[in-house]
């Protein structure tokens, strides 16, 4: 007596299907955990919306985003909120009227870019770390270190990266 193969002659082997599913799952996980390096020059305001164009009352940002670059007008930074400048990797906040602060826009947890400011906190979308708009301190983790303060100069109604 001869025994016939129990596996059909055509179609992928079970091992191939399992390996492909694992590779697809890994790709999804890596994409979800990765930061945004799309090179967009937009920014997010306190409502968390991206802004590709700066409003008519905005001061245009400088070319390289380095020291001395005009970031915005003081009127562009809402009191009790702030604005993320993705290209310059800086967050400018106005905790109280006329008081402007700047912090790195790179989360201290795993280096993702913070994206929005709401309810007095700077939000990182990658793992939901939140930082104070007043001093950059951690309001909720997983981040354990504050956002580093950056130097800005306010001259009249212009905010410049120092």
C-alpha atoms as a PDB file:
ATOM      1  CA  UNK A   1       0.000   0.000   0.000  1.00  0.00           C
ATOM      2  CA  UNK A   2       1.186   3.492  -0.753  1.00  0.00           C
ATOM      3  CA  UNK A   3       0.276   6.477   1.293  1.00  0.00           C
ATOM      4  CA  UNK A   4      -0.859   9.659  -0.401  1.00  0.00           C
ATOM      5  CA  UNK A   5       0.340  13.058   0.752  1.00  0.00           C
ATOM      6  CA  UNK A   6      -2.137  14.783   3.015  1.00  0.00           C
ATOM      7  CA  UNK A   7      -0.982  18.251   1.962  1.00  0.00           C
ATOM      8  CA  UNK A   8      -2.340  19.742  -1.256  1.00  0.00           C
ATOM      9  CA  UNK A   9       0.178  20.074  -4.069  1.00  0.00           C
ATOM     10  CA  UNK A  10      -0.356  23.810  -4.521  1.00  0.00           C
ATOM     11  CA  UNK A  11      -0.382  26.726  -2.051  1.00  0.00           C
ATOM     12  CA  UNK A  12       2.129  28.038   0.452  1.00  0.00           C
ATOM     13  CA  UNK A  13       3.393  25.949   3.308  1.00  0.00           C
ATOM     14  CA  UNK A  14       2.087  26.678   6.786  1.00  0.00           C
ATOM     15  CA  UNK A  15       5.534  27.858   7.891  1.00  0.00           C
ATOM     16  CA  UNK A  16       5.623  30.410   5.050  1.00  0.00           C
ATOM     17  CA  UNK A  17       2.200  31.822   5.984  1.00  0.00           C
ATOM     18  CA  UNK A  18       3.144  32.146   9.678  1.00  0.00           C
ATOM     19  CA  UNK A  19       6.463  33.852   8.823  1.00  0.00           C
ATOM     20  CA  UNK A  20       4.741  36.322   6.474  1.00  0.00           C
ATOM     21  CA  UNK A  21       2.126  37.192   9.103  1.00  0.00           C
ATOM     22  CA  UNK A  22       4.875  37.769  11.680  1.00  0.00           C
ATOM     23  CA  UNK A  23       6.811  40.028   9.318  1.00  0.00           C
ATOM     24  CA  UNK A  24       3.680  42.052   8.529  1.00  0.00           C
ATOM     25  CA  UNK A  25       2.927  42.456  12.246  1.00  0.00           C
ATOM     26  CA  UNK A  26       6.490  43.620  12.910  1.00  0.00           C
ATOM     27  CA  UNK A  27       6.242  46.193  10.122  1.00  0.00           C
ATOM     28  CA  UNK A  28       3.009  47.578  11.585  1.00  0.00           C
ATOM     29  CA  UNK A  29       4.518  47.785  15.081  1.00  0.00           C
ATOM     30  CA  UNK A  30       7.632  49.599  13.849  1.00  0.00           C
ATOM     31  CA  UNK A  31       5.570  52.055  11.841  1.00  0.00           C
ATOM     32  CA  UNK A  32       3.312  52.839  14.805  1.00  0.00           C
ATOM     33  CA  UNK A  33       6.244  53.430  17.171  1.00  0.00           C
ATOM     34  CA  UNK A  34       8.310  55.515  14.773  1.00  0.00           C
ATOM     35  CA  UNK A  35       8.465  59.303  14.937  1.00  0.00           C
ATOM     36  CA  UNK A  36       7.362  61.520  12.103  1.00  0.00           C
ATOM     37  CA  UNK A  37      10.288  62.419   9.873  1.00  0.00           C
ATOM     38  CA  UNK A  38       8.196  63.577   6.967  1.00  0.00           C
ATOM     39  CA  UNK A  39      10.122  66.844   6.772  1.00  0.00           C
ATOM     40  CA  UNK A  40       6.975  68.937   6.900  1.00  0.00           C
ATOM     41  CA  UNK A  41       7.557  72.526   7.854  1.00  0.00           C
ATOM     42  CA  UNK A  42       4.134  72.894   9.428  1.00  0.00           C
ATOM     43  CA  UNK A  43       3.471  73.583  13.059  1.00  0.00           C
ATOM     44  CA  UNK A  44       0.776  72.733  15.551  1.00  0.00           C
ATOM     45  CA  UNK A  45      -0.996  75.355  17.588  1.00  0.00           C
ATOM     46  CA  UNK A  46      -2.675  74.956  20.954  1.00  0.00           C
ATOM     47  CA  UNK A  47      -5.658  73.279  19.333  1.00  0.00           C
ATOM     48  CA  UNK A  48      -3.341  70.571  17.997  1.00  0.00           C
ATOM     49  CA  UNK A  49      -4.020  71.305  14.348  1.00  0.00           C
ATOM     50  CA  UNK A  50      -1.184  71.275  11.867  1.00  0.00           C
ATOM     51  CA  UNK A  51      -0.505  74.515  10.082  1.00  0.00           C
ATOM     52  CA  UNK A  52       1.412  74.373   6.826  1.00  0.00           C
ATOM     53  CA  UNK A  53       0.937  78.062   6.096  1.00  0.00           C
ATOM     54  CA  UNK A  54       1.466  80.669   8.724  1.00  0.00           C
ATOM     55  CA  UNK A  55      -1.403  83.088   9.162  1.00  0.00           C
ATOM     56  CA  UNK A  56      -1.446  86.589   7.754  1.00  0.00           C
ATOM     57  CA  UNK A  57      -0.399  88.019  11.140  1.00  0.00           C
ATOM     58  CA  UNK A  58       2.544  85.620  11.499  1.00  0.00           C
ATOM     59  CA  UNK A  59       6.165  86.455  11.163  1.00  0.00           C
ATOM     60  CA  UNK A  60       7.657  84.023   8.648  1.00  0.00           C
ATOM     61  CA  UNK A  61      10.266  81.640   9.985  1.00  0.00           C
ATOM     62  CA  UNK A  62      13.877  82.034   8.955  1.00  0.00           C
ATOM     63  CA  UNK A  63      15.494  79.744   6.431  1.00  0.00           C
ATOM     64  CA  UNK A  64      17.485  77.281   8.530  1.00  0.00           C
ATOM     65  CA  UNK A  65      15.656  77.506  11.842  1.00  0.00           C
ATOM     66  CA  UNK A  66      18.897  78.312  13.654  1.00  0.00           C
ATOM     67  CA  UNK A  67      19.774  81.034  16.140  1.00  0.00           C
ATOM     68  CA  UNK A  68      18.299  84.414  15.303  1.00  0.00           C
ATOM     69  CA  UNK A  69      15.385  82.979  13.335  1.00  0.00           C
ATOM     70  CA  UNK A  70      12.109  84.816  13.772  1.00  0.00           C
ATOM     71  CA  UNK A  71       9.593  82.232  14.946  1.00  0.00           C
ATOM     72  CA  UNK A  72       6.343  84.094  15.376  1.00  0.00           C
ATOM     73  CA  UNK A  73       4.532  87.160  16.542  1.00  0.00           C
ATOM     74  CA  UNK A  74       3.546  87.291  20.210  1.00  0.00           C
ATOM     75  CA  UNK A  75      -0.084  87.382  19.016  1.00  0.00           C
ATOM     76  CA  UNK A  76       0.396  83.912  17.461  1.00  0.00           C
ATOM     77  CA  UNK A  77       1.030  82.289  20.860  1.00  0.00           C
ATOM     78  CA  UNK A  78      -2.227  81.879  22.825  1.00  0.00           C
ATOM     79  CA  UNK A  79      -2.251  82.760  26.512  1.00  0.00           C
ATOM     80  CA  UNK A  80      -2.340  79.552  28.562  1.00  0.00           C
ATOM     81  CA  UNK A  81      -1.237  77.585  25.511  1.00  0.00           C
ATOM     82  CA  UNK A  82       1.488  77.569  22.926  1.00  0.00           C
ATOM     83  CA  UNK A  83       2.614  76.533  19.496  1.00  0.00           C
ATOM     84  CA  UNK A  84       4.911  73.780  18.206  1.00  0.00           C
ATOM     85  CA  UNK A  85       7.420  74.765  15.511  1.00  0.00           C
ATOM     86  CA  UNK A  86       8.286  71.379  13.997  1.00  0.00           C
ATOM     87  CA  UNK A  87      10.971  72.595  11.594  1.00  0.00           C
ATOM     88  CA  UNK A  88      12.870  74.414  14.339  1.00  0.00           C
ATOM     89  CA  UNK A  89      12.149  71.632  16.881  1.00  0.00           C
ATOM     90  CA  UNK A  90      10.961  74.139  19.471  1.00  0.00           C
ATOM     91  CA  UNK A  91       7.758  74.737  21.444  1.00  0.00           C
ATOM     92  CA  UNK A  92       6.891  78.310  22.451  1.00  0.00           C
ATOM     93  CA  UNK A  93       4.358  78.767  25.245  1.00  0.00           C
ATOM     94  CA  UNK A  94       2.676  81.683  26.996  1.00  0.00           C
ATOM     95  CA  UNK A  95       1.771  80.424  30.494  1.00  0.00           C
ATOM     96  CA  UNK A  96       0.545  83.873  31.605  1.00  0.00           C
ATOM     97  CA  UNK A  97      -0.077  87.077  29.663  1.00  0.00           C
ATOM     98  CA  UNK A  98       3.185  88.468  28.322  1.00  0.00           C
ATOM     99  CA  UNK A  99       5.362  85.601  29.673  1.00  0.00           C
ATOM    100  CA  UNK A 100       6.894  83.504  26.879  1.00  0.00           C
ATOM    101  CA  UNK A 101       8.831  80.257  27.352  1.00  0.00           C
ATOM    102  CA  UNK A 102      10.523  77.929  24.887  1.00  0.00           C
ATOM    103  CA  UNK A 103      11.351  74.245  25.169  1.00  0.00           C
ATOM    104  CA  UNK A 104      12.771  71.532  22.949  1.00  0.00           C
ATOM    105  CA  UNK A 105      10.053  69.860  20.869  1.00  0.00           C
ATOM    106  CA  UNK A 106      11.789  66.480  21.282  1.00  0.00           C
ATOM    107  CA  UNK A 107      10.216  64.270  23.948  1.00  0.00           C
ATOM    108  CA  UNK A 108      12.688  63.115  26.589  1.00  0.00           C
ATOM    109  CA  UNK A 109      11.144  59.620  26.679  1.00  0.00           C
ATOM    110  CA  UNK A 110      12.127  58.211  23.281  1.00  0.00           C
ATOM    111  CA  UNK A 111      12.824  61.228  21.104  1.00  0.00           C
ATOM    112  CA  UNK A 112       9.462  61.613  19.377  1.00  0.00           C
ATOM    113  CA  UNK A 113       8.370  65.097  18.353  1.00  0.00           C
ATOM    114  CA  UNK A 114       5.729  66.671  20.589  1.00  0.00           C
ATOM    115  CA  UNK A 115       2.735  67.691  18.520  1.00  0.00           C
ATOM    116  CA  UNK A 116       0.231  69.798  20.436  1.00  0.00           C
ATOM    117  CA  UNK A 117      -0.541  71.943  23.460  1.00  0.00           C
ATOM    118  CA  UNK A 118      -3.865  71.617  25.292  1.00  0.00           C
ATOM    119  CA  UNK A 119      -5.108  72.309  28.818  1.00  0.00           C
ATOM    120  CA  UNK A 120      -1.792  73.760  29.956  1.00  0.00           C
ATOM    121  CA  UNK A 121       0.332  70.796  28.836  1.00  0.00           C
ATOM    122  CA  UNK A 122       2.591  69.971  25.915  1.00  0.00           C
ATOM    123  CA  UNK A 123       1.572  66.575  24.509  1.00  0.00           C
ATOM    124  CA  UNK A 124       3.711  63.834  22.960  1.00  0.00           C
ATOM    125  CA  UNK A 125       1.548  61.543  20.829  1.00  0.00           C
ATOM    126  CA  UNK A 126       3.921  58.551  20.799  1.00  0.00           C
ATOM    127  CA  UNK A 127       3.423  57.364  24.389  1.00  0.00           C
ATOM    128  CA  UNK A 128       1.238  60.138  25.863  1.00  0.00           C
ATOM    129  CA  UNK A 129       3.853  61.965  27.932  1.00  0.00           C
ATOM    130  CA  UNK A 130       2.700  65.442  29.006  1.00  0.00           C
ATOM    131  CA  UNK A 131       4.852  68.422  29.996  1.00  0.00           C
ATOM    132  CA  UNK A 132       4.059  71.714  31.752  1.00  0.00           C
ATOM    133  CA  UNK A 133       3.850  74.826  29.561  1.00  0.00           C
ATOM    134  CA  UNK A 134       5.348  76.807  32.472  1.00  0.00           C
ATOM    135  CA  UNK A 135       8.634  74.976  33.051  1.00  0.00           C
ATOM    136  CA  UNK A 136       8.697  71.895  30.791  1.00  0.00           C
ATOM    137  CA  UNK A 137       8.397  69.551  33.779  1.00  0.00           C
ATOM    138  CA  UNK A 138       6.787  66.124  33.372  1.00  0.00           C
ATOM    139  CA  UNK A 139       3.066  66.177  34.203  1.00  0.00           C
ATOM    140  CA  UNK A 140       2.520  62.526  33.237  1.00  0.00           C
ATOM    141  CA  UNK A 141       4.859  59.840  31.907  1.00  0.00           C
ATOM    142  CA  UNK A 142       6.346  57.594  30.755  1.00  0.00           C
ATOM    143  CA  UNK A 143       8.873  60.436  30.326  1.00  0.00           C
ATOM    144  CA  UNK A 144      10.868  61.084  33.516  1.00  0.00           C
ATOM    145  CA  UNK A 145      12.916  64.123  32.465  1.00  0.00           C
ATOM    146  CA  UNK A 146      11.591  67.621  31.646  1.00  0.00           C
ATOM    147  CA  UNK A 147      11.782  69.167  28.203  1.00  0.00           C
ATOM    148  CA  UNK A 148      15.016  71.189  27.982  1.00  0.00           C
ATOM    149  CA  UNK A 149      14.464  74.938  28.013  1.00  0.00           C
ATOM    150  CA  UNK A 150      15.521  76.830  24.898  1.00  0.00           C
ATOM    151  CA  UNK A 151      16.483  80.484  24.650  1.00  0.00           C
ATOM    152  CA  UNK A 152      14.177  82.919  22.891  1.00  0.00           C
ATOM    153  CA  UNK A 153      14.154  86.683  22.651  1.00  0.00           C
ATOM    154  CA  UNK A 154      10.984  88.735  22.653  1.00  0.00           C
ATOM    155  CA  UNK A 155      11.502  92.115  20.983  1.00  0.00           C
ATOM    156  CA  UNK A 156       8.266  94.080  20.735  1.00  0.00           C
ATOM    157  CA  UNK A 157       5.835  91.624  19.179  1.00  0.00           C
ATOM    158  CA  UNK A 158       8.492  89.386  17.570  1.00  0.00           C
ATOM    159  CA  UNK A 159       9.684  86.112  19.095  1.00  0.00           C
ATOM    160  CA  UNK A 160      13.136  85.027  17.921  1.00  0.00           C
ATOM    161  CA  UNK A 161      15.128  81.881  18.608  1.00  0.00           C
ATOM    162  CA  UNK A 162      18.258  83.113  20.411  1.00  0.00           C
END
